[in-house]
Amino acid sequence: MINQITIPTLFEKGQSKDHRGFVEYYNSLDLSDFKRFYIVTNPSRGTVRAWHGHKIEAKLIKVLKGEFLIAVVKVDNWENPSNENKVEKFKMNEDSGTLYIPPGYANGAINLVTDSKVMYFSSLKIEDSKKDDYRFDAKFWNPWSEYSPEIYE
C-alpha cells in the first residue's frame, strides 16, 4: 500500500499506443488512500508555490501540461525547522510519472515554462487538511533561484 512508503517516490507511467492514440496508466498506484484532488495552473513562467507541509497528509503530484521543478524536504521540526534540511528536486513534465510525497514533508513547485498545469491528490479531506497545514516562506529552502534568478535570489 502506498501509505507504507516513507520517502518521496516517483511512480513511472505505463503507456500503450495504437492507431487511435495513447493510453497512459499507473496500474501499480493504489489511489484508495486519496480523498480529493485539485489542479493548479501557472500562466507565467517562474511562479513559485511553496512551502506547504503536512505531518499526516500525503500528496501525489502529476504534471498535466508544461514543466515544473517539484521540491520536497523532510521537516525536522514543525515549529522551527532547519533551513539546512536536504531538498530533493524532481524536474517533471507531462511525460513524467506521478510523484508521491509521504506525510512529514513540505513541498513546493516552480513552473519552468509558461502555461503549466499540475494536479495534486490529497489523502485528507479539506477540513482535516486545514488542521494539518504548515506554511513556510517560499525562500526558506531556496532551490528556485537556479530556475528563476530574477525573482528568487
Protein backbone atom coordinates (compact mmCIF):
# COMPACT_ATOMS: atom_id res chain seq x y z
CA MET A 1 0.00 0.00 0.00
CA ILE A 2 1.18 3.49 -0.80
CA ASN A 3 0.78 4.74 2.79
CA GLN A 4 3.65 2.44 3.82
CA ILE A 5 6.14 4.34 1.63
CA THR A 6 8.22 6.73 3.76
CA ILE A 7 10.28 8.62 1.16
CA PRO A 8 9.29 10.65 -1.92
CA THR A 9 8.77 8.14 -4.73
CA LEU A 10 8.22 8.59 -8.45
CA PHE A 11 5.76 6.10 -9.95
CA GLU A 12 6.61 5.51 -13.57
CA LYS A 13 3.81 5.63 -16.07
CA GLY A 14 2.82 2.82 -18.33
CA GLN A 15 1.76 3.57 -21.87
CA SER A 16 0.07 1.82 -24.73
CA LYS A 17 -0.17 3.07 -28.30
CA ASP A 18 -2.20 2.08 -31.30
CA HIS A 19 -3.81 3.76 -34.31
CA ARG A 20 -6.27 5.62 -32.03
CA GLY A 21 -3.56 7.26 -29.91
CA PHE A 22 -2.03 6.72 -26.48
CA VAL A 23 -3.25 5.43 -23.14
CA GLU A 24 -1.21 6.45 -20.09
CA TYR A 25 -1.72 4.34 -16.97
CA TYR A 26 -0.48 3.79 -13.42
CA ASN A 27 -1.68 0.29 -12.63
CA SER A 28 0.71 -0.11 -9.68
CA LEU A 29 -0.54 3.06 -7.99
CA ASP A 30 -3.27 2.48 -5.41
CA LEU A 31 -5.44 5.59 -5.10
CA SER A 32 -7.64 4.25 -2.29
CA ASP A 33 -5.89 6.43 0.32
CA PHE A 34 -6.67 9.67 -1.53
CA LYS A 35 -9.80 11.72 -0.87
CA ARG A 36 -9.64 14.67 -3.29
CA PHE A 37 -7.65 16.38 -5.99
CA TYR A 38 -7.09 19.87 -7.28
CA ILE A 39 -5.42 21.38 -10.35
CA VAL A 40 -3.14 24.41 -10.34
CA THR A 41 -2.41 26.43 -13.48
CA ASN A 42 0.52 28.86 -13.55
CA PRO A 43 0.29 31.04 -16.66
CA SER A 44 3.62 32.86 -16.07
CA ARG A 45 6.99 31.08 -16.06
CA GLY A 46 8.75 31.17 -12.72
CA THR A 47 5.72 31.13 -10.44
CA VAL A 48 6.67 29.57 -7.11
CA ARG A 49 4.13 27.97 -4.81
CA ALA A 50 5.96 26.94 -1.65
CA TRP A 51 6.39 25.73 1.08
CA HIS A 52 3.41 23.71 2.20
CA GLY A 53 3.84 20.82 4.61
CA HIS A 54 1.83 18.18 6.41
CA LYS A 55 2.54 15.87 9.34
CA ILE A 56 -0.30 13.49 8.43
CA GLU A 57 -1.40 14.19 4.86
CA ALA A 58 0.24 12.59 1.83
CA LYS A 59 0.26 14.02 -1.70
CA LEU A 60 0.50 12.74 -5.25
CA ILE A 61 1.68 15.13 -7.95
CA LYS A 62 1.11 14.72 -11.69
CA VAL A 63 2.14 17.38 -14.22
CA LEU A 64 -0.59 17.73 -16.83
CA LYS A 65 0.99 20.38 -19.04
CA GLY A 66 4.31 22.17 -19.24
CA GLU A 67 7.24 21.61 -16.92
CA PHE A 68 7.77 22.01 -13.17
CA LEU A 69 10.52 21.64 -10.65
CA ILE A 70 8.91 19.93 -7.68
CA ALA A 71 10.92 20.23 -4.47
CA VAL A 72 10.37 18.30 -1.25
CA VAL A 73 12.03 18.48 2.14
CA LYS A 74 11.61 16.32 5.25
CA VAL A 75 10.67 18.65 8.08
CA ASP A 76 12.71 18.03 11.23
CA ASN A 77 10.84 20.47 13.49
CA TRP A 78 7.42 21.83 12.53
CA GLU A 79 7.70 24.93 14.73
CA ASN A 80 11.33 25.78 13.95
CA PRO A 81 12.70 23.71 11.02
CA SER A 82 16.31 23.86 9.93
CA ASN A 83 16.90 25.56 6.59
CA GLU A 84 19.83 23.14 6.19
CA ASN A 85 17.48 20.18 5.60
CA LYS A 86 18.18 18.41 2.32
CA VAL A 87 15.90 19.46 -0.54
CA GLU A 88 15.08 16.76 -3.07
CA LYS A 89 14.26 18.01 -6.57
CA PHE A 90 12.20 16.38 -9.29
CA LYS A 91 12.07 18.00 -12.72
CA MET A 92 8.76 16.86 -14.18
CA ASN A 93 6.65 17.36 -17.29
CA GLU A 94 3.56 15.71 -18.72
CA ASP A 95 5.66 12.70 -19.80
CA SER A 96 6.92 12.12 -16.25
CA GLY A 97 5.35 9.71 -13.82
CA THR A 98 3.45 10.61 -10.67
CA LEU A 99 5.33 11.74 -7.56
CA TYR A 100 4.28 10.50 -4.12
CA ILE A 101 5.10 12.74 -1.15
CA PRO A 102 4.60 10.96 2.19
CA PRO A 103 3.49 12.64 5.41
CA GLY A 104 6.23 14.56 7.20
CA TYR A 105 7.37 16.54 4.19
CA ALA A 106 6.92 20.07 2.87
CA ASN A 107 6.66 20.58 -0.86
CA GLY A 108 6.82 23.37 -3.37
CA ALA A 109 6.91 23.89 -7.10
CA ILE A 110 8.04 26.33 -9.76
CA ASN A 111 6.84 26.12 -13.32
CA LEU A 112 9.73 26.26 -15.77
CA VAL A 113 7.69 27.17 -18.85
CA THR A 114 4.63 29.36 -19.35
CA ASP A 115 1.10 28.00 -19.16
CA SER A 116 1.88 24.96 -16.98
CA LYS A 117 -0.64 22.83 -15.14
CA VAL A 118 -0.18 20.38 -12.28
CA MET A 119 -2.62 18.10 -10.43
CA TYR A 120 -2.36 17.30 -6.72
CA PHE A 121 -4.09 14.41 -4.97
CA SER A 122 -4.51 14.68 -1.17
CA SER A 123 -5.01 11.91 1.34
CA LEU A 124 -7.14 14.06 3.67
CA LYS A 125 -10.47 15.78 3.19
CA ILE A 126 -10.16 19.57 3.10
CA GLU A 127 -11.46 20.09 6.65
CA ASP A 128 -8.85 17.65 8.03
CA SER A 129 -6.10 19.04 5.83
CA LYS A 130 -6.63 22.53 7.25
CA LYS A 131 -5.81 21.15 10.72
CA ASP A 132 -2.56 19.65 9.35
CA ASP A 133 -1.35 22.71 7.45
CA TYR A 134 2.15 24.14 7.87
CA ARG A 135 3.39 27.01 5.71
CA PHE A 136 6.93 28.27 5.35
CA ASP A 137 8.33 31.20 3.37
CA ALA A 138 8.98 30.44 -0.30
CA LYS A 139 12.69 31.21 0.15
CA PHE A 140 13.18 29.28 3.41
CA TRP A 141 14.64 26.44 1.35
CA ASN A 142 15.53 28.00 -1.99
CA PRO A 143 16.04 25.70 -4.97
CA TRP A 144 14.15 28.26 -7.09
CA SER A 145 16.89 30.81 -7.78
CA GLU A 146 18.60 28.45 -10.21
CA TYR A 147 15.46 28.46 -12.38
CA SER A 148 14.18 31.99 -11.88
CA PRO A 149 17.08 34.12 -10.61
CA GLU A 150 15.43 37.43 -11.45
CA ILE A 151 12.72 36.68 -8.92
CA TYR A 152 14.11 34.36 -6.26
CA GLU A 153 17.71 35.33 -5.49
